[in-house]
N, C-alpha and C. Protein backbone atom coordinates (compact mmCIF):
# COMPACT_ATOMS: atom_id res chain seq x y z
N UNK A 1 -154.29 107.56 119.36
CA UNK A 1 -155.38 106.92 120.48
C UNK A 1 -154.70 107.27 121.99
N UNK A 2 -155.79 107.48 122.62
CA UNK A 2 -155.69 107.71 124.06
C UNK A 2 -155.46 106.75 125.21
N UNK A 3 -154.26 106.79 125.71
CA UNK A 3 -154.54 105.77 126.86
C UNK A 3 -155.33 106.17 128.12
N UNK A 4 -156.78 105.30 128.03
CA UNK A 4 -157.75 106.05 128.94
C UNK A 4 -157.35 105.15 130.26
N UNK A 5 -158.22 105.58 131.46
CA UNK A 5 -157.92 105.23 132.65
C UNK A 5 -158.58 103.65 132.43
N UNK A 6 -159.27 103.04 131.57
CA UNK A 6 -159.63 101.87 131.48
C UNK A 6 -158.63 100.96 131.25
N UNK A 7 -157.77 101.67 129.90
CA UNK A 7 -156.74 100.87 129.50
C UNK A 7 -155.77 100.74 130.53
N UNK A 8 -155.26 101.60 131.26
CA UNK A 8 -154.42 101.61 132.36
C UNK A 8 -154.40 100.78 133.50
N UNK A 9 -156.01 100.52 133.71
CA UNK A 9 -156.34 99.63 134.89
C UNK A 9 -156.36 97.97 134.24
N UNK A 10 -156.46 97.88 132.94
CA UNK A 10 -156.40 96.86 132.11
C UNK A 10 -154.75 96.19 132.22
N UNK A 11 -153.97 97.09 131.72
CA UNK A 11 -152.47 96.95 131.78
C UNK A 11 -152.20 96.48 133.03
N UNK A 12 -152.67 97.23 134.40
CA UNK A 12 -152.23 97.19 135.27
C UNK A 12 -152.73 95.57 135.71
N UNK A 13 -153.79 95.02 135.47
CA UNK A 13 -154.22 93.83 136.01
C UNK A 13 -153.20 92.56 134.81
N UNK A 14 -153.14 93.24 133.67
CA UNK A 14 -152.34 92.04 132.87
C UNK A 14 -150.84 92.01 133.40
N UNK A 15 -150.50 93.06 133.90
CA UNK A 15 -148.86 92.87 134.46
C UNK A 15 -148.95 92.44 135.85
N UNK A 16 -149.86 92.52 136.71
CA UNK A 16 -149.87 91.94 137.79
C UNK A 16 -150.14 90.28 137.59
N UNK A 17 -150.95 90.04 136.93
CA UNK A 17 -151.30 88.41 136.79
C UNK A 17 -150.13 87.83 136.16
N UNK A 18 -149.54 88.53 135.04
CA UNK A 18 -148.41 88.12 134.16
C UNK A 18 -147.32 87.58 135.08
N UNK A 19 -146.86 88.75 136.22
CA UNK A 19 -146.13 88.42 137.14
C UNK A 19 -146.09 87.33 138.21
N UNK A 20 -147.54 87.14 138.26
CA UNK A 20 -147.90 86.25 139.74
C UNK A 20 -147.97 84.70 138.87
N UNK A 21 -148.14 84.64 137.77
CA UNK A 21 -148.47 83.41 136.99
C UNK A 21 -147.37 83.05 136.03
N UNK A 22 -146.86 83.80 135.30
CA UNK A 22 -145.87 83.82 134.16
C UNK A 22 -146.50 83.17 133.00
N UNK A 23 -147.97 83.32 132.74
CA UNK A 23 -148.69 82.98 131.63
C UNK A 23 -149.54 84.15 131.03
N UNK A 24 -149.88 84.02 129.97
CA UNK A 24 -150.54 85.06 128.94
C UNK A 24 -151.88 85.29 129.87
N UNK A 25 -152.52 86.48 129.88
CA UNK A 25 -153.70 86.63 130.59
C UNK A 25 -154.64 87.02 129.44
N UNK A 26 -155.79 86.39 129.72
CA UNK A 26 -156.78 86.30 128.72
C UNK A 26 -158.22 87.42 129.45
N UNK A 27 -158.84 87.82 128.41
CA UNK A 27 -160.15 88.51 128.86
C UNK A 27 -160.84 87.95 129.87
N UNK A 28 -161.12 86.73 129.99
CA UNK A 28 -162.03 86.32 131.11
C UNK A 28 -161.38 86.54 132.33
N UNK A 29 -160.24 86.22 132.64
CA UNK A 29 -159.54 86.68 133.67
C UNK A 29 -159.38 88.12 134.08
N UNK A 30 -159.44 88.90 133.05
CA UNK A 30 -159.37 90.46 133.44
C UNK A 30 -160.53 90.56 133.77
N UNK A 31 -161.92 90.37 132.96
CA UNK A 31 -162.96 90.56 133.44
C UNK A 31 -163.40 90.16 134.98
N UNK A 32 -162.91 89.09 135.34
CA UNK A 32 -163.47 88.57 136.63
C UNK A 32 -162.72 89.33 137.49
N UNK A 33 -161.55 90.03 137.18
CA UNK A 33 -160.98 90.94 138.40
C UNK A 33 -161.55 92.35 138.50
N UNK A 34 -161.67 92.99 137.17
CA UNK A 34 -162.52 94.15 136.89
C UNK A 34 -163.95 94.34 137.36
N UNK A 35 -164.76 93.39 137.01
CA UNK A 35 -166.10 93.37 137.28
C UNK A 35 -166.73 94.32 136.67
N UNK A 36 -167.86 94.00 136.23
CA UNK A 36 -168.53 95.30 135.50
C UNK A 36 -168.41 95.51 133.93
N UNK A 37 -167.22 94.97 133.50
CA UNK A 37 -166.66 95.07 132.19
C UNK A 37 -166.78 93.80 131.48
N UNK A 38 -167.42 93.72 129.95
CA UNK A 38 -167.53 92.84 129.22
C UNK A 38 -166.51 92.20 128.69
N UNK A 39 -166.31 90.99 128.43
CA UNK A 39 -165.15 90.37 128.02
C UNK A 39 -164.90 90.83 126.37
N UNK A 40 -165.88 91.02 125.88
CA UNK A 40 -165.71 91.87 124.34
C UNK A 40 -165.04 93.33 124.56
N UNK A 41 -165.59 94.13 125.63
CA UNK A 41 -164.94 95.63 125.95
C UNK A 41 -163.52 95.13 126.22
N UNK A 42 -163.31 94.23 126.95
CA UNK A 42 -161.89 93.86 127.49
C UNK A 42 -160.89 93.44 126.36
N UNK A 43 -161.38 92.71 125.22
CA UNK A 43 -160.69 92.31 124.06
C UNK A 43 -160.46 93.41 123.16
N UNK A 44 -161.47 94.24 122.90
CA UNK A 44 -161.20 95.49 122.27
C UNK A 44 -160.01 96.52 123.02
N UNK A 45 -159.93 96.52 124.26
CA UNK A 45 -159.07 97.23 124.76
C UNK A 45 -157.54 96.73 124.81
N UNK A 46 -157.85 95.37 124.79
CA UNK A 46 -156.53 94.63 124.71
C UNK A 46 -155.87 94.82 123.32
N UNK A 47 -156.67 94.76 122.25
CA UNK A 47 -156.36 94.78 121.13
C UNK A 47 -155.55 96.23 120.65
N UNK A 48 -156.37 97.33 121.32
CA UNK A 48 -155.76 98.94 121.43
C UNK A 48 -154.31 98.99 122.19
N UNK A 49 -154.06 98.21 123.30
CA UNK A 49 -153.13 98.02 123.92
C UNK A 49 -152.00 97.61 123.29
N UNK A 50 -152.22 96.22 122.41
CA UNK A 50 -151.32 95.56 121.80
C UNK A 50 -150.87 96.61 120.33
N UNK A 51 -151.92 97.21 119.86
CA UNK A 51 -151.58 98.23 118.43
C UNK A 51 -150.76 99.45 119.35
N UNK A 52 -150.72 99.66 120.40
CA UNK A 52 -149.71 100.80 121.02
C UNK A 52 -148.71 100.34 121.48
N UNK A 53 -148.16 99.11 121.52
CA UNK A 53 -146.96 98.72 121.84
C UNK A 53 -147.15 98.45 123.53
N UNK A 54 -147.91 98.31 124.06
CA UNK A 54 -147.93 98.04 125.70
C UNK A 54 -148.29 96.55 126.05
N UNK A 55 -148.64 95.61 125.13
CA UNK A 55 -148.75 94.08 125.08
C UNK A 55 -148.54 93.83 123.92
N UNK A 56 -148.18 92.41 124.05
CA UNK A 56 -147.77 91.52 123.22
C UNK A 56 -148.56 90.26 123.12
N UNK A 57 -148.89 89.41 122.20
CA UNK A 57 -149.64 88.31 122.05
C UNK A 57 -148.71 87.17 121.42
N UNK A 58 -148.50 86.49 122.33
CA UNK A 58 -147.38 85.12 121.89
C UNK A 58 -147.81 84.41 120.55
N UNK A 59 -149.13 84.15 120.49
CA UNK A 59 -149.83 83.69 119.27
C UNK A 59 -151.22 83.89 119.22
N UNK A 60 -151.90 83.54 118.33
CA UNK A 60 -153.12 84.00 117.87
C UNK A 60 -154.10 83.66 119.13
N UNK A 61 -154.22 82.55 119.58
CA UNK A 61 -154.96 82.14 120.51
C UNK A 61 -154.62 82.54 122.10
N UNK A 62 -153.77 83.03 122.22
CA UNK A 62 -153.04 83.14 123.40
C UNK A 62 -153.77 84.56 124.32
N UNK A 63 -153.65 84.50 125.20
CA UNK A 63 -153.85 85.95 126.08
C UNK A 63 -152.84 86.96 125.64
N UNK A 64 -152.97 87.98 126.37
CA UNK A 64 -151.66 88.79 126.32
C UNK A 64 -150.57 88.98 127.40
N UNK A 65 -149.49 89.53 126.98
CA UNK A 65 -148.31 89.47 128.30
C UNK A 65 -147.89 91.04 127.91
N UNK A 66 -147.38 91.46 128.75
CA UNK A 66 -146.94 93.10 129.09
C UNK A 66 -145.60 93.05 127.93
N UNK A 67 -145.41 93.93 127.34
CA UNK A 67 -144.07 94.21 126.61
C UNK A 67 -143.27 94.96 127.40
N UNK A 68 -142.01 95.21 127.06
CA UNK A 68 -141.13 96.25 127.86
C UNK A 68 -141.77 97.56 128.13
N UNK A 69 -142.30 98.22 127.26
CA UNK A 69 -143.06 99.54 127.23
C UNK A 69 -144.32 99.53 128.28
N UNK A 70 -144.83 98.39 128.29
CA UNK A 70 -145.94 98.12 129.08
C UNK A 70 -145.24 97.92 130.48
N UNK A 71 -144.48 97.23 130.63
CA UNK A 71 -143.76 97.21 132.32
C UNK A 71 -143.33 98.38 132.56
N UNK A 72 -142.67 99.18 131.77
CA UNK A 72 -141.97 100.65 131.96
C UNK A 72 -143.33 101.43 132.41
N UNK A 73 -144.26 101.48 131.70
CA UNK A 73 -145.37 102.26 132.00
C UNK A 73 -146.00 102.24 133.48
N UNK A 74 -146.19 100.74 133.43
CA UNK A 74 -146.66 100.17 134.78
C UNK A 74 -145.73 100.66 136.38
N UNK A 75 -144.41 100.39 136.01
CA UNK A 75 -143.82 100.89 137.05
C UNK A 75 -143.67 102.50 137.00
N UNK A 76 -143.74 103.07 136.12
CA UNK A 76 -143.63 104.59 136.25
C UNK A 76 -144.97 105.05 136.79
N UNK A 77 -146.07 104.50 136.51
CA UNK A 77 -147.59 104.72 137.23
C UNK A 77 -147.48 104.40 138.78
N UNK A 78 -147.06 103.12 138.93
CA UNK A 78 -146.76 102.70 140.28
C UNK A 78 -146.00 103.73 141.40
N UNK A 79 -144.93 104.19 140.87
CA UNK A 79 -144.20 105.26 141.68
C UNK A 79 -144.76 106.39 142.22
């Protein structure tokens, strides 16, 4: 599975929101920041990012938090 630009943008939003709030980030919050992308599309992308190991889901009904692998990718892309 490829890490597309949209997946990278979603990961960036999750990391930045999580750092700011210390709370799991949900698809509605991401959709509000990205604009023009549906919550369903974002949920699919979040699922892919979780499967790839870039995000973690604390429990079933929670949003996502960045994994160490996701944080590492975020910091390497930001440099």
